[in-house]
Amino acid sequence: MVSEAMSLPGSLAAIQPATWRDLNSLRQLERVCFPRDAWPLLELVGVLTLPNVVRLKAEADSQLVGFIAGDVRSAEHLAWIATIGVLPDYRGRGIGRLLLEACEAQIHEPRVRLCVRVSNKTAIQLYLGSAYQRAGLWSNYYQDGEDALVMEKQL
């Protein structure tokens, strides 16, 4: 895990391991960032406690402002970015990129994948700029029927 806080100049955010103590803050972040797709309580508890999950938070102004979880699947020689989100007031400061890079640094598998709404152009640009490539499309992936773009990066 990250033992020292990492920060990006100008972002004023520190990247640190997330724990079960971050549950309430993570629930709020999920509701704000993903109003249509917020994870239920049990999934949030799981992502904060299960083994083989890289879980990092971004803190700024004494609060959790971003979160990422990487589900490492060693038997498949890959990891999935299960979720990544930054509160709206903190977007555009490089916090999402910092979270992504910090998570990737802890994934010791050759590939990492993620899914993103096809309508989320800002996130897609972040991933393309971080060397992810389009790897597929999952139709009707989200609860409202929107498709998910599957993206992959060779680490």
Protein backbone atom coordinates (compact mmCIF):
# COMPACT_ATOMS: atom_id res chain seq x y z
CA MET A 1 0.00 0.00 0.00
CA VAL A 2 0.99 3.63 -0.27
CA SER A 3 2.88 4.49 2.90
CA GLU A 4 3.50 8.13 2.14
CA ALA A 5 1.00 10.66 0.93
CA MET A 6 1.37 11.41 -2.77
CA SER A 7 0.31 14.69 -4.22
CA LEU A 8 0.20 16.39 -7.56
CA PRO A 9 1.41 20.00 -7.72
CA GLY A 10 -1.63 22.25 -7.69
CA SER A 11 -4.05 19.45 -6.79
CA LEU A 12 -3.70 19.83 -3.03
CA ALA A 13 -4.76 16.19 -2.68
CA ALA A 14 -3.02 13.40 -0.82
CA ILE A 15 -3.37 9.79 -1.97
CA GLN A 16 -3.54 7.27 0.86
CA PRO A 17 -4.85 3.76 1.48
CA ALA A 18 -8.58 3.63 2.16
CA THR A 19 -9.97 1.53 5.01
CA TRP A 20 -13.35 0.55 6.42
CA ARG A 21 -13.20 3.78 8.41
CA ASP A 22 -13.83 5.60 5.10
CA LEU A 23 -17.17 3.85 4.55
CA ASN A 24 -19.47 6.80 5.25
CA SER A 25 -17.40 9.21 3.18
CA LEU A 26 -17.23 6.69 0.35
CA ARG A 27 -21.02 6.21 0.45
CA GLN A 28 -21.47 9.96 0.04
CA LEU A 29 -18.93 10.14 -2.81
CA GLU A 30 -20.67 7.27 -4.62
CA ARG A 31 -24.06 8.98 -4.35
CA VAL A 32 -22.69 12.26 -5.69
CA CYS A 33 -20.47 10.83 -8.45
CA PHE A 34 -22.76 8.01 -9.58
CA PRO A 35 -26.36 8.98 -8.84
CA ARG A 36 -27.68 6.31 -11.23
CA ASP A 37 -25.14 3.61 -10.35
CA ALA A 38 -24.03 4.09 -6.72
CA TRP A 39 -22.89 0.85 -5.18
CA PRO A 40 -25.04 -0.60 -2.39
CA LEU A 41 -23.68 -0.70 1.16
CA LEU A 42 -22.52 -4.34 1.06
CA GLU A 43 -20.46 -3.79 -2.09
CA LEU A 44 -18.80 -0.76 -0.51
CA VAL A 45 -17.97 -2.79 2.61
CA GLY A 46 -16.51 -5.47 0.36
CA VAL A 47 -14.36 -3.12 -1.67
CA LEU A 48 -12.97 -1.68 1.57
CA THR A 49 -12.24 -5.04 3.23
CA LEU A 50 -11.78 -7.89 0.75
CA PRO A 51 -8.28 -9.14 -0.08
CA ASN A 52 -6.71 -8.53 -3.50
CA VAL A 53 -8.27 -5.08 -3.82
CA VAL A 54 -6.14 -1.97 -4.19
CA ARG A 55 -8.15 0.77 -2.50
CA LEU A 56 -6.95 4.34 -2.41
CA LYS A 57 -8.51 7.63 -1.44
CA ALA A 58 -7.72 11.21 -2.32
CA GLU A 59 -8.03 13.64 0.55
CA ALA A 60 -8.17 17.41 0.27
CA ASP A 61 -9.49 20.05 2.61
CA SER A 62 -9.71 17.39 5.37
CA GLN A 63 -12.20 15.27 3.44
CA LEU A 64 -12.34 12.31 1.05
CA VAL A 65 -12.66 13.83 -2.42
CA GLY A 66 -11.75 10.83 -4.59
CA PHE A 67 -11.58 7.05 -4.51
CA ILE A 68 -10.35 4.19 -6.68
CA ALA A 69 -10.53 0.42 -6.30
CA GLY A 70 -8.52 -2.05 -8.36
CA ASP A 71 -9.68 -5.68 -8.26
CA VAL A 72 -6.54 -7.79 -8.81
CA ARG A 73 -7.23 -11.15 -10.43
CA SER A 74 -3.89 -12.92 -10.42
CA ALA A 75 -5.26 -16.17 -11.85
CA GLU A 76 -6.37 -14.21 -14.93
CA HIS A 77 -3.18 -12.09 -15.03
CA LEU A 78 -5.17 -8.87 -15.00
CA ALA A 79 -6.88 -6.34 -12.77
CA TRP A 80 -10.08 -4.38 -13.13
CA ILE A 81 -10.53 -0.80 -12.03
CA ALA A 82 -13.83 -1.46 -10.26
CA THR A 83 -14.58 2.19 -9.53
CA ILE A 84 -12.97 5.61 -9.69
CA GLY A 85 -14.63 8.86 -8.76
CA VAL A 86 -13.77 12.43 -7.81
CA LEU A 87 -16.23 14.88 -6.27
CA PRO A 88 -17.40 17.48 -8.83
CA ASP A 89 -15.83 20.45 -6.99
CA TYR A 90 -12.42 18.74 -7.20
CA ARG A 91 -12.48 17.63 -10.84
CA GLY A 92 -10.09 19.13 -13.35
CA ARG A 93 -7.21 19.22 -10.86
CA GLY A 94 -5.52 15.97 -11.88
CA ILE A 95 -6.86 13.99 -8.91
CA GLY A 96 -8.42 11.28 -11.09
CA ARG A 97 -5.17 10.81 -12.99
CA LEU A 98 -3.22 10.70 -9.72
CA LEU A 99 -5.55 8.05 -8.30
CA LEU A 100 -5.31 6.01 -11.50
CA GLU A 101 -1.50 6.15 -11.58
CA ALA A 102 -1.19 5.28 -7.87
CA CYS A 103 -3.52 2.30 -8.28
CA GLU A 104 -1.74 1.03 -11.39
CA ALA A 105 1.59 1.23 -9.52
CA GLN A 106 0.25 -1.31 -7.01
CA ILE A 107 -1.15 -3.71 -9.59
CA HIS A 108 1.44 -6.31 -10.37
CA GLU A 109 -0.33 -7.84 -13.34
CA PRO A 110 0.40 -7.25 -17.04
CA ARG A 111 -3.02 -5.80 -17.91
CA VAL A 112 -5.67 -3.61 -16.35
CA ARG A 113 -9.20 -3.08 -17.64
CA LEU A 114 -12.10 -0.81 -16.81
CA CYS A 115 -15.61 0.01 -17.95
CA VAL A 116 -16.91 3.51 -18.57
CA ARG A 117 -20.23 4.88 -19.76
CA VAL A 118 -20.03 5.64 -23.48
CA SER A 119 -21.43 9.10 -22.69
CA ASN A 120 -18.66 9.93 -20.17
CA LYS A 121 -16.39 11.73 -22.63
CA THR A 122 -14.26 13.36 -19.90
CA ALA A 123 -13.40 10.01 -18.31
CA ILE A 124 -12.76 8.41 -21.71
CA GLN A 125 -10.27 11.19 -22.52
CA LEU A 126 -8.53 10.62 -19.17
CA TYR A 127 -8.17 6.91 -19.93
CA LEU A 128 -7.01 7.45 -23.52
CA GLY A 129 -4.45 9.96 -22.22
CA SER A 130 -3.27 7.32 -19.73
CA ALA A 131 -2.56 4.77 -22.50
CA TYR A 132 -5.80 2.80 -22.26
CA GLN A 133 -7.21 1.49 -25.51
CA ARG A 134 -10.71 0.56 -26.51
CA ALA A 135 -11.14 -3.19 -26.04
CA GLY A 136 -14.85 -3.79 -26.45
CA LEU A 137 -18.39 -2.67 -25.84
CA TRP A 138 -20.87 -4.18 -23.38
CA SER A 139 -24.42 -3.43 -24.47
CA ASN A 140 -26.98 -2.38 -21.86
CA TYR A 141 -24.36 -2.66 -19.09
CA TYR A 142 -25.71 0.07 -16.81
CA GLN A 143 -29.08 -0.04 -15.02
CA ASP A 144 -30.52 2.61 -17.32
CA GLY A 145 -29.52 0.61 -20.43
CA GLU A 146 -26.48 2.67 -21.42
CA ASP A 147 -23.58 0.79 -22.98
CA ALA A 148 -20.17 0.46 -21.35
CA LEU A 149 -16.94 0.97 -23.23
CA VAL A 150 -14.37 -1.58 -22.06
CA MET A 151 -10.84 -0.20 -22.04
CA GLU A 152 -7.52 -1.93 -21.42
CA LYS A 153 -3.96 -0.94 -20.68
CA GLN A 154 -0.78 -2.96 -20.78
CA LEU A 155 1.23 -2.26 -17.65
